[in-house]
């Protein structure tokens, strides 16, 4: 038993390359991930509990941390998480930590209760500060290609009118 426990790390497969230019192998990737995921779970607590961003980050980070704690082998971690190589997971975790600090700085959930938002409905005029998007007309070649494709398949192109639910 003792020998098996001591020999397991020695017999572990050594990763020689990630195969990704600029992304070096991290020999202690499991430990790095555990540390980064722990920091992430600590940092995300600064975001209000009821925010979707916090819930999402806590959910996937907790899952990944659990996988890293349960598995010793980098291959098993990669297989169970299913989101790339451990080195990519490390980069992603670092990016998430950076994003958390930016989100705290930006405070997108801190909209004051008395803030009023202009709602544009139906035929009301659009306020001048709202950009207007007008789609450009499609080129004539598009319509010719559509007709040609429809005639080859013996299909008449139709635009069906959707049923009005109020009727």
N, C-alpha and C. Protein backbone atom coordinates (compact mmCIF):
# COMPACT_ATOMS: atom_id res chain seq x y z
N UNK A 1 0.83 -1.18 0.00
CA UNK A 1 0.00 0.00 0.00
C UNK A 1 0.88 1.26 0.00
N UNK A 2 1.84 1.30 0.90
CA UNK A 2 2.73 2.45 0.99
C UNK A 2 3.50 2.63 -0.31
N UNK A 3 4.00 1.54 -0.86
CA UNK A 3 4.77 1.59 -2.09
C UNK A 3 3.90 2.10 -3.25
N UNK A 4 2.67 1.60 -3.32
CA UNK A 4 1.77 2.04 -4.40
C UNK A 4 1.48 3.53 -4.29
N UNK A 5 1.31 4.02 -3.09
CA UNK A 5 1.02 5.43 -2.88
C UNK A 5 2.22 6.31 -3.25
N UNK A 6 3.39 5.85 -2.95
CA UNK A 6 4.60 6.62 -3.25
C UNK A 6 4.98 6.52 -4.73
N UNK A 7 4.70 5.38 -5.35
CA UNK A 7 5.11 5.17 -6.74
C UNK A 7 4.18 5.85 -7.73
N UNK A 8 2.92 6.09 -7.35
CA UNK A 8 1.95 6.66 -8.28
C UNK A 8 2.44 7.97 -8.89
N UNK A 9 2.90 8.95 -8.09
CA UNK A 9 3.38 10.18 -8.71
C UNK A 9 4.60 9.96 -9.61
N UNK A 10 5.42 9.00 -9.28
CA UNK A 10 6.61 8.74 -10.08
C UNK A 10 6.26 8.10 -11.41
N UNK A 11 5.16 7.33 -11.43
CA UNK A 11 4.75 6.64 -12.64
C UNK A 11 3.82 7.49 -13.51
N UNK A 12 3.43 8.66 -13.03
CA UNK A 12 2.52 9.51 -13.78
C UNK A 12 3.13 9.92 -15.12
N UNK A 13 2.27 10.01 -16.11
CA UNK A 13 2.73 10.40 -17.44
C UNK A 13 3.17 11.86 -17.42
N UNK A 14 4.32 12.13 -17.98
CA UNK A 14 4.87 13.48 -18.01
C UNK A 14 4.46 14.14 -19.32
N UNK A 15 3.93 15.33 -19.20
CA UNK A 15 3.51 16.10 -20.37
C UNK A 15 4.72 16.86 -20.89
N UNK A 16 5.03 16.69 -22.16
CA UNK A 16 6.21 17.32 -22.73
C UNK A 16 5.89 18.62 -23.47
N UNK A 17 4.69 18.71 -24.04
CA UNK A 17 4.30 19.91 -24.78
C UNK A 17 2.78 20.04 -24.77
N UNK A 18 2.34 21.28 -24.90
CA UNK A 18 0.89 21.51 -25.02
C UNK A 18 0.47 21.43 -26.49
N UNK A 19 1.44 21.60 -27.38
CA UNK A 19 1.11 21.65 -28.80
C UNK A 19 0.54 23.00 -29.21
N UNK A 20 0.55 23.96 -28.29
CA UNK A 20 0.03 25.29 -28.57
C UNK A 20 1.19 26.28 -28.46
N UNK A 21 1.44 27.01 -29.54
CA UNK A 21 2.55 27.95 -29.57
C UNK A 21 2.35 28.99 -28.47
N UNK A 22 3.39 29.20 -27.67
CA UNK A 22 3.35 30.21 -26.61
C UNK A 22 2.74 29.73 -25.30
N UNK A 23 2.25 28.51 -25.27
CA UNK A 23 1.65 27.98 -24.04
C UNK A 23 2.51 26.83 -23.55
N UNK A 24 3.32 27.12 -22.55
CA UNK A 24 4.25 26.13 -22.02
C UNK A 24 3.57 25.16 -21.07
N UNK A 25 4.16 24.00 -20.93
CA UNK A 25 3.68 22.99 -19.99
C UNK A 25 3.87 23.51 -18.57
N UNK A 26 2.87 23.28 -17.73
CA UNK A 26 2.96 23.64 -16.31
C UNK A 26 3.04 22.31 -15.55
N UNK A 27 4.24 21.96 -15.04
CA UNK A 27 4.42 20.65 -14.42
C UNK A 27 3.53 20.45 -13.17
N UNK A 28 3.23 21.50 -12.45
CA UNK A 28 2.39 21.38 -11.25
C UNK A 28 1.02 22.02 -11.49
N UNK A 29 0.45 21.74 -12.64
CA UNK A 29 -0.80 22.38 -13.07
C UNK A 29 -1.93 22.14 -12.07
N UNK A 30 -2.03 20.97 -11.52
CA UNK A 30 -3.10 20.66 -10.58
C UNK A 30 -3.04 21.61 -9.39
N UNK A 31 -1.87 21.78 -8.81
CA UNK A 31 -1.71 22.65 -7.65
C UNK A 31 -2.00 24.11 -8.01
N UNK A 32 -1.56 24.51 -9.20
CA UNK A 32 -1.81 25.88 -9.65
C UNK A 32 -3.31 26.11 -9.82
N UNK A 33 -3.99 25.14 -10.42
CA UNK A 33 -5.44 25.26 -10.60
C UNK A 33 -6.17 25.33 -9.27
N UNK A 34 -5.79 24.47 -8.34
CA UNK A 34 -6.44 24.48 -7.02
C UNK A 34 -6.26 25.85 -6.37
N UNK A 35 -5.08 26.40 -6.47
CA UNK A 35 -4.81 27.73 -5.90
C UNK A 35 -5.64 28.81 -6.59
N UNK A 36 -5.66 28.81 -7.92
CA UNK A 36 -6.41 29.82 -8.67
C UNK A 36 -7.91 29.71 -8.42
N UNK A 37 -8.43 28.48 -8.38
CA UNK A 37 -9.86 28.30 -8.14
C UNK A 37 -10.23 28.75 -6.73
N UNK A 38 -9.35 28.51 -5.77
CA UNK A 38 -9.58 28.98 -4.40
C UNK A 38 -9.63 30.50 -4.35
N UNK A 39 -8.70 31.16 -5.03
CA UNK A 39 -8.67 32.63 -5.09
C UNK A 39 -9.94 33.16 -5.76
N UNK A 40 -10.35 32.49 -6.84
CA UNK A 40 -11.54 32.92 -7.56
C UNK A 40 -12.76 32.87 -6.66
N UNK A 41 -12.92 31.76 -5.92
CA UNK A 41 -14.08 31.64 -5.04
C UNK A 41 -14.04 32.67 -3.91
N UNK A 42 -12.85 33.05 -3.50
CA UNK A 42 -12.71 34.09 -2.47
C UNK A 42 -13.05 35.47 -3.04
N UNK A 43 -12.51 35.78 -4.22
CA UNK A 43 -12.70 37.10 -4.83
C UNK A 43 -14.15 37.34 -5.25
N UNK A 44 -14.82 36.30 -5.73
CA UNK A 44 -16.18 36.47 -6.25
C UNK A 44 -17.17 36.83 -5.14
N UNK A 45 -16.79 36.63 -3.90
CA UNK A 45 -17.67 36.97 -2.77
C UNK A 45 -17.91 38.48 -2.67
N UNK A 46 -17.10 39.30 -3.35
CA UNK A 46 -17.30 40.75 -3.36
C UNK A 46 -18.47 41.15 -4.27
N UNK A 47 -18.91 40.22 -5.12
CA UNK A 47 -20.04 40.47 -6.01
C UNK A 47 -21.31 40.10 -5.24
N UNK A 48 -22.38 40.88 -5.37
CA UNK A 48 -23.62 40.56 -4.65
C UNK A 48 -24.10 39.13 -4.93
N UNK A 49 -24.63 38.48 -3.88
CA UNK A 49 -25.03 37.06 -3.96
C UNK A 49 -26.06 36.76 -5.02
N UNK A 50 -26.98 37.68 -5.26
CA UNK A 50 -28.08 37.41 -6.18
C UNK A 50 -27.75 37.70 -7.64
N UNK A 51 -26.53 38.11 -7.94
CA UNK A 51 -26.13 38.40 -9.31
C UNK A 51 -25.82 37.12 -10.08
N UNK A 52 -26.30 37.05 -11.31
CA UNK A 52 -26.09 35.88 -12.15
C UNK A 52 -24.62 35.60 -12.41
N UNK A 53 -23.83 36.66 -12.57
CA UNK A 53 -22.39 36.48 -12.81
C UNK A 53 -21.76 35.72 -11.66
N UNK A 54 -22.06 36.13 -10.43
CA UNK A 54 -21.48 35.44 -9.27
C UNK A 54 -21.94 33.99 -9.22
N UNK A 55 -23.21 33.75 -9.44
CA UNK A 55 -23.74 32.38 -9.40
C UNK A 55 -23.05 31.50 -10.43
N UNK A 56 -22.87 32.02 -11.64
CA UNK A 56 -22.23 31.24 -12.71
C UNK A 56 -20.77 30.94 -12.37
N UNK A 57 -20.03 31.96 -11.93
CA UNK A 57 -18.62 31.78 -11.61
C UNK A 57 -18.45 30.81 -10.45
N UNK A 58 -19.26 30.96 -9.41
CA UNK A 58 -19.17 30.03 -8.27
C UNK A 58 -19.48 28.61 -8.69
N UNK A 59 -20.47 28.45 -9.54
CA UNK A 59 -20.88 27.11 -9.97
C UNK A 59 -19.78 26.38 -10.73
N UNK A 60 -19.28 26.99 -11.82
CA UNK A 60 -18.29 26.26 -12.60
C UNK A 60 -16.94 26.19 -11.90
N UNK A 61 -16.60 27.19 -11.10
CA UNK A 61 -15.32 27.16 -10.39
C UNK A 61 -15.34 26.11 -9.30
N UNK A 62 -16.45 25.99 -8.58
CA UNK A 62 -16.57 24.96 -7.54
C UNK A 62 -16.46 23.56 -8.14
N UNK A 63 -17.10 23.39 -9.29
CA UNK A 63 -17.03 22.09 -9.96
C UNK A 63 -15.59 21.76 -10.37
N UNK A 64 -14.92 22.73 -10.97
CA UNK A 64 -13.55 22.50 -11.42
C UNK A 64 -12.60 22.27 -10.24
N UNK A 65 -12.80 23.00 -9.16
CA UNK A 65 -11.98 22.81 -7.97
C UNK A 65 -12.17 21.40 -7.42
N UNK A 66 -13.40 20.95 -7.38
CA UNK A 66 -13.70 19.60 -6.87
C UNK A 66 -13.01 18.54 -7.74
N UNK A 67 -13.07 18.72 -9.05
CA UNK A 67 -12.41 17.77 -9.96
C UNK A 67 -10.90 17.75 -9.68
N UNK A 68 -10.31 18.92 -9.53
CA UNK A 68 -8.86 19.00 -9.29
C UNK A 68 -8.48 18.38 -7.95
N UNK A 69 -9.34 18.49 -6.97
CA UNK A 69 -9.07 17.90 -5.66
C UNK A 69 -9.23 16.37 -5.69
N UNK A 70 -10.13 15.89 -6.51
CA UNK A 70 -10.40 14.46 -6.58
C UNK A 70 -9.41 13.71 -7.47
N UNK A 71 -8.88 14.37 -8.49
CA UNK A 71 -8.00 13.72 -9.45
C UNK A 71 -6.55 14.13 -9.22
N UNK A 72 -5.65 13.18 -9.35
CA UNK A 72 -4.22 13.45 -9.21
C UNK A 72 -3.57 13.72 -10.57
N UNK A 73 -4.11 13.10 -11.60
CA UNK A 73 -3.50 13.09 -12.93
C UNK A 73 -4.04 14.21 -13.81
N UNK A 74 -3.16 14.91 -14.50
CA UNK A 74 -3.59 16.01 -15.36
C UNK A 74 -4.50 15.54 -16.48
N UNK A 75 -4.28 14.33 -16.98
CA UNK A 75 -5.13 13.81 -18.05
C UNK A 75 -6.56 13.60 -17.57
N UNK A 76 -6.71 13.10 -16.35
CA UNK A 76 -8.04 12.88 -15.78
C UNK A 76 -8.74 14.22 -15.54
N UNK A 77 -7.99 15.21 -15.11
CA UNK A 77 -8.56 16.55 -14.89
C UNK A 77 -9.07 17.10 -16.23
N UNK A 78 -8.24 17.02 -17.25
CA UNK A 78 -8.64 17.52 -18.57
C UNK A 78 -9.87 16.78 -19.08
N UNK A 79 -9.89 15.48 -18.91
CA UNK A 79 -11.01 14.66 -19.40
C UNK A 79 -12.30 15.01 -18.66
N UNK A 80 -12.24 15.12 -17.34
CA UNK A 80 -13.45 15.37 -16.56
C UNK A 80 -13.99 16.79 -16.73
N UNK A 81 -13.11 17.76 -16.82
CA UNK A 81 -13.58 19.14 -17.00
C UNK A 81 -14.01 19.36 -18.44
N UNK A 82 -13.28 18.80 -19.38
CA UNK A 82 -13.69 18.84 -20.79
C UNK A 82 -13.65 20.22 -21.43
N UNK A 83 -12.73 21.07 -20.98
CA UNK A 83 -12.64 22.42 -21.55
C UNK A 83 -11.22 22.76 -21.96
N UNK A 84 -10.49 21.77 -22.43
CA UNK A 84 -9.13 22.03 -22.90
C UNK A 84 -8.08 21.46 -21.98
N UNK A 85 -6.84 21.83 -22.26
CA UNK A 85 -5.71 21.36 -21.49
C UNK A 85 -5.61 22.12 -20.17
N UNK A 86 -4.92 21.51 -19.19
CA UNK A 86 -4.79 22.15 -17.88
C UNK A 86 -4.13 23.52 -18.01
N UNK A 87 -3.21 23.66 -18.93
CA UNK A 87 -2.55 24.94 -19.14
C UNK A 87 -3.54 26.00 -19.64
N UNK A 88 -4.47 25.57 -20.47
CA UNK A 88 -5.52 26.48 -20.93
C UNK A 88 -6.46 26.84 -19.78
N UNK A 89 -6.75 25.87 -18.94
CA UNK A 89 -7.59 26.12 -17.77
C UNK A 89 -6.93 27.12 -16.83
N UNK A 90 -5.61 27.04 -16.71
CA UNK A 90 -4.87 27.99 -15.87
C UNK A 90 -5.01 29.41 -16.44
N UNK A 91 -4.82 29.55 -17.74
CA UNK A 91 -4.96 30.87 -18.38
C UNK A 91 -6.38 31.39 -18.20
N UNK A 92 -7.35 30.52 -18.36
CA UNK A 92 -8.75 30.92 -18.21
C UNK A 92 -9.03 31.36 -16.77
N UNK A 93 -8.50 30.64 -15.79
CA UNK A 93 -8.71 31.00 -14.39
C UNK A 93 -8.06 32.35 -14.07
N UNK A 94 -6.88 32.60 -14.63
CA UNK A 94 -6.23 33.90 -14.43
C UNK A 94 -7.07 35.02 -15.05
N UNK A 95 -7.59 34.75 -16.24
CA UNK A 95 -8.44 35.75 -16.90
C UNK A 95 -9.71 36.02 -16.10
N UNK A 96 -10.27 34.97 -15.51
CA UNK A 96 -11.49 35.14 -14.71
C UNK A 96 -11.21 36.00 -13.49
N UNK A 97 -10.06 35.81 -12.86
CA UNK A 97 -9.69 36.64 -11.71
C UNK A 97 -9.57 38.11 -12.13
N UNK A 98 -8.98 38.36 -13.30
CA UNK A 98 -8.88 39.72 -13.81
C UNK A 98 -10.26 40.30 -14.07
N UNK A 99 -11.13 39.48 -14.66
CA UNK A 99 -12.49 39.95 -14.96
C UNK A 99 -13.26 40.25 -13.68
N UNK A 100 -13.10 39.43 -12.66
CA UNK A 100 -13.80 39.68 -11.39
C UNK A 100 -13.42 41.06 -10.85
N UNK A 101 -12.14 41.38 -10.86
CA UNK A 101 -11.73 42.69 -10.35
C UNK A 101 -12.30 43.82 -11.21
N UNK A 102 -12.35 43.61 -12.52
CA UNK A 102 -12.94 44.62 -13.41
C UNK A 102 -14.44 44.77 -13.15
N UNK A 103 -15.13 43.65 -12.97
CA UNK A 103 -16.57 43.71 -12.70
C UNK A 103 -16.85 44.44 -11.39
N UNK A 104 -16.03 44.21 -10.39
CA UNK A 104 -16.19 44.91 -9.12
C UNK A 104 -15.97 46.42 -9.33
N UNK A 105 -14.97 46.75 -10.13
CA UNK A 105 -14.69 48.17 -10.44
C UNK A 105 -15.84 48.80 -11.22
N UNK A 106 -16.35 48.11 -12.22
CA UNK A 106 -17.42 48.63 -13.08
C UNK A 106 -18.78 48.69 -12.37
N UNK A 107 -19.01 47.75 -11.46
CA UNK A 107 -20.24 47.69 -10.68
C UNK A 107 -21.51 47.73 -11.55
N UNK A 108 -21.65 46.81 -12.51
CA UNK A 108 -22.81 46.86 -13.40
C UNK A 108 -24.13 46.57 -12.70
N UNK A 109 -24.09 45.99 -11.52
CA UNK A 109 -25.31 45.68 -10.77
C UNK A 109 -25.71 46.84 -9.86
N UNK A 110 -24.92 47.90 -9.82
CA UNK A 110 -25.17 49.00 -8.91
C UNK A 110 -26.06 50.09 -9.49
N UNK A 111 -27.11 49.75 -10.21
CA UNK A 111 -28.01 50.73 -10.76
C UNK A 111 -28.88 51.27 -9.63
N UNK A 112 -28.93 52.59 -9.44
CA UNK A 112 -29.74 53.15 -8.35
C UNK A 112 -31.22 52.81 -8.51
N UNK A 113 -31.91 52.66 -7.39
CA UNK A 113 -33.33 52.32 -7.42
C UNK A 113 -34.17 53.38 -8.13
N UNK A 114 -33.74 54.64 -8.06
CA UNK A 114 -34.52 55.71 -8.67
C UNK A 114 -34.15 55.98 -10.13
N UNK A 115 -33.29 55.13 -10.72
CA UNK A 115 -32.88 55.32 -12.11
C UNK A 115 -34.06 55.02 -13.03
N UNK A 116 -34.30 55.93 -13.97
CA UNK A 116 -35.38 55.73 -14.92
C UNK A 116 -34.81 55.48 -16.30
N UNK A 117 -35.29 54.45 -16.90
CA UNK A 117 -34.82 54.05 -18.22
C UNK A 117 -35.92 54.36 -19.23
N UNK A 118 -35.55 54.97 -20.35
CA UNK A 118 -36.52 55.27 -21.39
C UNK A 118 -36.86 53.98 -22.14
N UNK A 119 -38.12 53.66 -22.19
CA UNK A 119 -38.57 52.46 -22.89
C UNK A 119 -39.21 52.91 -24.20
N UNK A 120 -38.75 52.33 -25.30
CA UNK A 120 -39.30 52.66 -26.61
C UNK A 120 -40.25 51.54 -27.00
N UNK A 121 -41.51 51.88 -27.20
CA UNK A 121 -42.51 50.88 -27.55
C UNK A 121 -43.19 51.25 -28.86
N UNK A 122 -43.48 50.25 -29.63
CA UNK A 122 -44.25 50.35 -30.86
C UNK A 122 -43.89 51.57 -31.70
N UNK A 123 -44.84 52.52 -31.87
CA UNK A 123 -44.61 53.63 -32.78
C UNK A 123 -44.19 54.92 -32.10
N UNK A 124 -43.79 54.83 -30.83
CA UNK A 124 -43.31 56.04 -30.14
C UNK A 124 -42.02 56.49 -30.81
N UNK A 125 -41.78 57.79 -30.84
CA UNK A 125 -40.53 58.26 -31.44
C UNK A 125 -39.31 57.76 -30.67
N UNK A 126 -38.26 57.46 -31.40
CA UNK A 126 -37.03 56.98 -30.78
C UNK A 126 -36.26 58.20 -30.27
N UNK A 127 -35.82 58.18 -29.00
CA UNK A 127 -35.06 59.32 -28.47
C UNK A 127 -33.81 59.57 -29.31
N UNK A 128 -33.38 60.82 -29.36
CA UNK A 128 -32.27 61.22 -30.22
C UNK A 128 -30.95 60.57 -29.82
N UNK A 129 -30.79 60.18 -28.55
CA UNK A 129 -29.51 59.60 -28.11
C UNK A 129 -29.41 58.10 -28.44
N UNK A 130 -30.48 57.50 -28.95
CA UNK A 130 -30.47 56.08 -29.29
C UNK A 130 -30.04 55.92 -30.74
N UNK A 131 -28.96 55.16 -31.00
CA UNK A 131 -28.53 54.98 -32.39
C UNK A 131 -29.57 54.21 -33.19
N UNK A 132 -29.71 54.59 -34.43
CA UNK A 132 -30.71 53.95 -35.29
C UNK A 132 -29.99 53.00 -36.25
N UNK A 133 -30.50 51.80 -36.32
CA UNK A 133 -29.92 50.82 -37.22
C UNK A 133 -30.90 50.60 -38.37
N UNK A 134 -30.44 50.93 -39.53
CA UNK A 134 -31.26 50.69 -40.71
C UNK A 134 -30.52 49.69 -41.57
N UNK A 135 -31.10 48.51 -41.77
CA UNK A 135 -30.40 47.51 -42.57
C UNK A 135 -30.26 47.97 -44.02
N UNK A 136 -29.12 47.65 -44.59
CA UNK A 136 -28.89 47.99 -45.99
C UNK A 136 -29.64 47.00 -46.87
N UNK A 137 -30.13 47.45 -48.01
CA UNK A 137 -30.83 46.51 -48.88
C UNK A 137 -29.87 45.45 -49.41
N UNK A 138 -30.40 44.25 -49.61
CA UNK A 138 -29.58 43.16 -50.15
C UNK A 138 -29.34 43.41 -51.63
N UNK A 139 -28.17 42.99 -52.14
CA UNK A 139 -27.89 43.20 -53.56
C UNK A 139 -28.82 42.37 -54.44
N UNK A 140 -29.04 42.83 -55.63
CA UNK A 140 -29.93 42.15 -56.59
C UNK A 140 -29.45 40.72 -56.86
N UNK A 141 -28.13 40.49 -56.81
CA UNK A 141 -27.58 39.16 -57.05
C UNK A 141 -28.11 38.14 -56.03
N UNK A 142 -28.37 38.61 -54.81
CA UNK A 142 -28.90 37.71 -53.79
C UNK A 142 -30.25 37.15 -54.23
N UNK A 143 -31.12 38.03 -54.70
CA UNK A 143 -32.46 37.60 -55.10
C UNK A 143 -32.39 36.69 -56.33
N UNK A 144 -31.48 36.98 -57.26
CA UNK A 144 -31.32 36.12 -58.43
C UNK A 144 -30.84 34.73 -58.01
N UNK A 145 -29.87 34.67 -57.08
CA UNK A 145 -29.36 33.39 -56.60
C UNK A 145 -30.45 32.62 -55.86
N UNK A 146 -31.27 33.32 -55.11
CA UNK A 146 -32.37 32.67 -54.38
C UNK A 146 -33.37 32.07 -55.35
N UNK A 147 -33.73 32.83 -56.38
CA UNK A 147 -34.66 32.32 -57.39
C UNK A 147 -34.07 31.12 -58.13
N UNK A 148 -32.79 31.20 -58.47
CA UNK A 148 -32.13 30.09 -59.18
C UNK A 148 -32.10 28.84 -58.31
N UNK A 149 -31.78 28.99 -57.05
CA UNK A 149 -31.73 27.84 -56.15
C UNK A 149 -33.12 27.25 -55.97
N UNK A 150 -34.13 28.08 -55.91
CA UNK A 150 -35.50 27.60 -55.75
C UNK A 150 -35.98 26.88 -57.00
N UNK A 151 -35.59 27.38 -58.18
CA UNK A 151 -36.05 26.74 -59.41
C UNK A 151 -35.37 25.39 -59.63
N UNK A 152 -34.12 25.24 -59.19
CA UNK A 152 -33.42 23.96 -59.31
C UNK A 152 -34.10 22.92 -58.44
N UNK A 153 -34.53 23.31 -57.28
CA UNK A 153 -35.19 22.39 -56.34
C UNK A 153 -36.70 22.35 -56.55
N UNK A 154 -37.20 23.03 -57.60
CA UNK A 154 -38.62 23.09 -57.90
C UNK A 154 -39.42 23.58 -56.70
N UNK A 155 -38.90 24.60 -56.08
CA UNK A 155 -39.57 25.18 -54.91
C UNK A 155 -39.83 26.63 -55.21
N UNK A 156 -41.00 27.08 -54.86
CA UNK A 156 -41.33 28.48 -55.03
C UNK A 156 -41.04 29.17 -53.70
N UNK A 157 -40.12 30.15 -53.70
CA UNK A 157 -39.84 30.82 -52.44
C UNK A 157 -41.06 31.58 -51.95
N UNK A 158 -41.42 31.32 -50.71
CA UNK A 158 -42.57 32.00 -50.11
C UNK A 158 -42.15 32.60 -48.79
N UNK A 159 -42.76 33.70 -48.48
CA UNK A 159 -42.61 34.28 -47.15
C UNK A 159 -43.96 34.14 -46.50
N UNK A 160 -44.01 33.27 -45.52
CA UNK A 160 -45.29 33.03 -44.86
C UNK A 160 -45.53 34.08 -43.80
N UNK A 161 -46.76 34.54 -43.76
CA UNK A 161 -47.14 35.52 -42.74
C UNK A 161 -47.42 34.75 -41.45
N UNK A 162 -46.78 35.21 -40.37
CA UNK A 162 -46.99 34.57 -39.08
C UNK A 162 -48.38 34.94 -38.58
N UNK A 163 -49.01 33.97 -37.94
CA UNK A 163 -50.34 34.21 -37.38
C UNK A 163 -50.25 35.22 -36.25
N UNK A 164 -51.18 36.15 -36.23
CA UNK A 164 -51.23 37.16 -35.18
C UNK A 164 -51.93 36.54 -33.97
N UNK A 165 -51.25 36.44 -32.83
CA UNK A 165 -51.87 35.80 -31.65
C UNK A 165 -53.07 36.56 -31.12
N UNK A 166 -53.21 37.83 -31.48
CA UNK A 166 -54.36 38.61 -30.98
C UNK A 166 -55.64 38.33 -31.76
N UNK A 167 -55.50 37.66 -32.93
CA UNK A 167 -56.68 37.38 -33.75
C UNK A 167 -57.41 36.15 -33.26
